[in-house]
């Protein structure tokens, strides 16, 4: 019997002159065109956000969808009333943080259902999140902020900081 010998193939890495290397390392013009379209996409997303309050999450580096909660900000003179619609969330899933310049609302819901039977196993997972940041036009007192949530509607009342009386300009006598 004759032994069959296999030829060993030599595989060399792609050099800078091969087409494979060109595909993996785009040259300057392609990178520039991509950045123009990225900027256009971001601008378009910002423009359409009031009409379509969700995003792909690509700017945060994730592919999970994140929705922006619809929010109303009402100036009552001495305080602000903020109403946010968070359907499908309960108060345990919502986090609100207030500082003197703004308000941050985050809501996150994770569900997992599992059904086992003799011949099968059925699992379902769901994830939903919403977030929003509102900057106040005037400084507020975060320590006195109050909030409540009922039927997916979050209502917050944040008092404004009392303005200091304006000092009148004083004429300085020069010596």
Protein backbone atom coordinates (compact mmCIF):
# COMPACT_ATOMS: atom_id res chain seq x y z
CA UNK A 1 0.00 0.00 0.00
CA UNK A 2 1.12 3.39 -0.82
CA UNK A 3 0.90 6.08 1.75
CA UNK A 4 -0.78 9.19 0.60
CA UNK A 5 0.97 12.31 1.66
CA UNK A 6 -0.85 15.54 2.20
CA UNK A 7 0.59 18.73 0.94
CA UNK A 8 0.82 21.33 3.61
CA UNK A 9 -0.66 24.64 2.56
CA UNK A 10 1.09 27.72 3.72
CA UNK A 11 -1.24 30.48 4.83
CA UNK A 12 0.39 33.83 5.17
CA UNK A 13 -1.19 36.88 6.79
CA UNK A 14 -2.61 39.53 4.51
CA UNK A 15 -0.12 42.21 3.72
CA UNK A 16 -0.96 45.88 3.32
CA UNK A 17 -1.13 45.42 -0.45
CA UNK A 18 -3.90 42.79 -0.46
CA UNK A 19 -7.58 43.59 -0.84
CA UNK A 20 -8.38 41.94 2.50
CA UNK A 21 -6.20 44.44 4.34
CA UNK A 22 -7.93 47.31 2.54
CA UNK A 23 -11.33 46.11 3.73
CA UNK A 24 -10.30 45.90 7.36
CA UNK A 25 -8.54 49.26 7.46
CA UNK A 26 -10.65 51.93 5.77
CA UNK A 27 -8.71 54.81 4.37
CA UNK A 28 -9.21 58.43 5.43
CA UNK A 29 -11.90 59.38 2.90
CA UNK A 30 -14.23 56.51 3.89
CA UNK A 31 -13.77 57.31 7.57
CA UNK A 32 -14.59 60.96 6.87
CA UNK A 33 -17.76 60.09 4.94
CA UNK A 34 -18.88 57.74 7.74
CA UNK A 35 -18.43 60.49 10.32
CA UNK A 36 -20.54 62.89 8.21
CA UNK A 37 -23.40 60.38 8.11
CA UNK A 38 -23.03 59.67 11.85
CA UNK A 39 -23.38 63.39 12.57
CA UNK A 40 -26.40 63.62 10.24
CA UNK A 41 -28.05 60.64 12.00
CA UNK A 42 -27.49 62.20 15.44
CA UNK A 43 -28.94 65.53 14.28
CA UNK A 44 -31.95 63.81 12.73
CA UNK A 45 -32.53 61.77 15.92
CA UNK A 46 -32.44 64.98 18.00
CA UNK A 47 -34.90 66.65 15.64
CA UNK A 48 -37.36 63.74 15.67
CA UNK A 49 -37.10 62.89 19.40
CA UNK A 50 -40.24 64.89 20.40
CA UNK A 51 -42.30 62.92 17.86
CA UNK A 52 -40.68 59.51 18.37
CA UNK A 53 -39.46 59.32 22.02
CA UNK A 54 -37.15 56.34 21.68
CA UNK A 55 -33.68 55.71 20.41
CA UNK A 56 -31.62 52.73 19.35
CA UNK A 57 -29.24 53.32 22.23
CA UNK A 58 -26.28 53.35 19.87
CA UNK A 59 -24.89 56.55 21.38
CA UNK A 60 -24.62 54.84 24.78
CA UNK A 61 -22.76 51.89 23.26
CA UNK A 62 -25.65 49.45 23.68
CA UNK A 63 -28.17 48.01 21.25
CA UNK A 64 -31.04 47.82 23.75
CA UNK A 65 -33.79 50.34 23.05
CA UNK A 66 -34.19 53.20 25.51
CA UNK A 67 -37.30 55.37 25.44
CA UNK A 68 -37.54 58.95 26.64
CA UNK A 69 -40.42 59.57 29.03
CA UNK A 70 -42.85 62.32 27.96
CA UNK A 71 -42.56 65.10 30.55
CA UNK A 72 -44.43 68.32 31.37
CA UNK A 73 -42.69 71.08 33.34
CA UNK A 74 -45.00 73.73 34.80
CA UNK A 75 -43.74 76.92 36.50
CA UNK A 76 -46.04 77.71 39.47
CA UNK A 77 -44.15 80.86 40.47
CA UNK A 78 -42.63 79.55 43.70
CA UNK A 79 -42.13 75.94 42.52
CA UNK A 80 -42.04 73.64 39.51
CA UNK A 81 -44.47 70.77 38.93
CA UNK A 82 -43.11 67.95 36.80
CA UNK A 83 -45.42 65.28 35.39
CA UNK A 84 -43.88 62.26 33.63
CA UNK A 85 -45.72 59.41 31.92
CA UNK A 86 -44.12 56.05 32.75
CA UNK A 87 -46.63 53.41 31.57
CA UNK A 88 -45.90 49.88 32.70
CA UNK A 89 -43.63 50.92 35.58
CA UNK A 90 -44.41 50.94 39.30
CA UNK A 91 -42.82 53.21 41.90
CA UNK A 92 -40.27 50.55 42.94
CA UNK A 93 -38.82 50.54 39.41
CA UNK A 94 -38.41 54.33 39.17
CA UNK A 95 -35.43 56.35 40.40
CA UNK A 96 -35.62 60.14 40.68
CA UNK A 97 -32.66 62.38 41.51
CA UNK A 98 -32.88 66.14 41.96
CA UNK A 99 -30.02 68.60 42.23
CA UNK A 100 -30.08 72.40 42.16
CA UNK A 101 -29.79 72.50 38.37
CA UNK A 102 -31.95 69.63 37.13
CA UNK A 103 -33.93 66.45 37.54
CA UNK A 104 -33.07 62.92 36.40
CA UNK A 105 -35.76 60.24 35.97
CA UNK A 106 -34.80 56.61 35.27
CA UNK A 107 -37.13 53.62 35.10
CA UNK A 108 -36.13 50.03 34.43
CA UNK A 109 -38.21 46.85 34.30
CA UNK A 110 -36.90 43.31 33.84
CA UNK A 111 -39.27 40.36 33.61
CA UNK A 112 -38.60 36.67 33.23
CA UNK A 113 -41.26 34.00 32.91
CA UNK A 114 -40.66 30.29 32.82
CA UNK A 115 -43.15 27.50 32.20
CA UNK A 116 -42.14 23.86 32.59
CA UNK A 117 -44.19 20.91 31.46
CA UNK A 118 -43.53 17.27 30.80
CA UNK A 119 -42.33 17.71 27.23
CA UNK A 120 -41.17 21.29 27.03
CA UNK A 121 -39.66 24.31 28.71
CA UNK A 122 -40.84 27.80 27.71
CA UNK A 123 -38.95 30.94 28.79
CA UNK A 124 -39.67 34.56 28.05
CA UNK A 125 -37.63 37.59 29.01
CA UNK A 126 -38.54 41.25 28.66
CA UNK A 127 -36.61 44.42 29.35
CA UNK A 128 -37.82 47.98 29.21
CA UNK A 129 -36.24 51.26 30.29
CA UNK A 130 -36.97 54.96 30.16
CA UNK A 131 -34.87 57.94 31.09
CA UNK A 132 -35.07 61.69 31.03
CA UNK A 133 -33.11 64.68 32.30
CA UNK A 134 -34.76 68.06 32.71
CA UNK A 135 -32.71 71.19 33.38
CA UNK A 136 -34.49 73.79 35.51
CA UNK A 137 -34.49 77.40 34.25
CA UNK A 138 -33.92 78.62 37.83
CA UNK A 139 -32.13 77.17 40.85
CA UNK A 140 -34.27 74.89 43.08
CA UNK A 141 -34.10 73.44 46.60
CA UNK A 142 -33.52 69.67 46.13
CA UNK A 143 -34.02 68.84 49.84
CA UNK A 144 -37.67 69.99 49.70
CA UNK A 145 -38.66 68.04 46.56
CA UNK A 146 -41.74 65.82 46.89
CA UNK A 147 -43.12 63.18 44.58
CA UNK A 148 -45.83 60.58 44.09
CA UNK A 149 -46.70 57.98 41.48
CA UNK A 150 -50.11 56.61 40.55
CA UNK A 151 -51.19 54.55 37.52
CA UNK A 152 -47.87 55.07 35.70
CA UNK A 153 -47.90 58.85 36.12
CA UNK A 154 -45.10 60.39 38.17
CA UNK A 155 -45.78 63.81 39.70
CA UNK A 156 -43.06 65.87 41.39
CA UNK A 157 -43.11 69.24 43.06
CA UNK A 158 -39.78 71.03 43.45
CA UNK A 159 -39.67 74.45 45.18
CA UNK A 160 -37.55 77.23 43.72
CA UNK A 161 -34.74 78.78 45.68
CA UNK A 162 -35.78 82.15 47.02
CA UNK A 163 -33.96 84.86 45.15
CA UNK A 164 -31.68 87.13 47.11
CA UNK A 165 -32.66 90.78 46.97
CA UNK A 166 -30.68 92.61 44.35
CA UNK A 167 -28.20 95.08 45.71
CA UNK A 168 -28.32 98.49 44.16
CA UNK A 169 -25.12 99.74 42.60
CA UNK A 170 -23.16 101.99 44.90
CA UNK A 171 -21.21 104.96 43.71
CA UNK A 172 -17.59 104.87 44.78
CA UNK A 173 -15.96 108.19 45.65
CA UNK A 174 -12.52 108.39 44.16
CA UNK A 175 -9.74 110.02 46.18
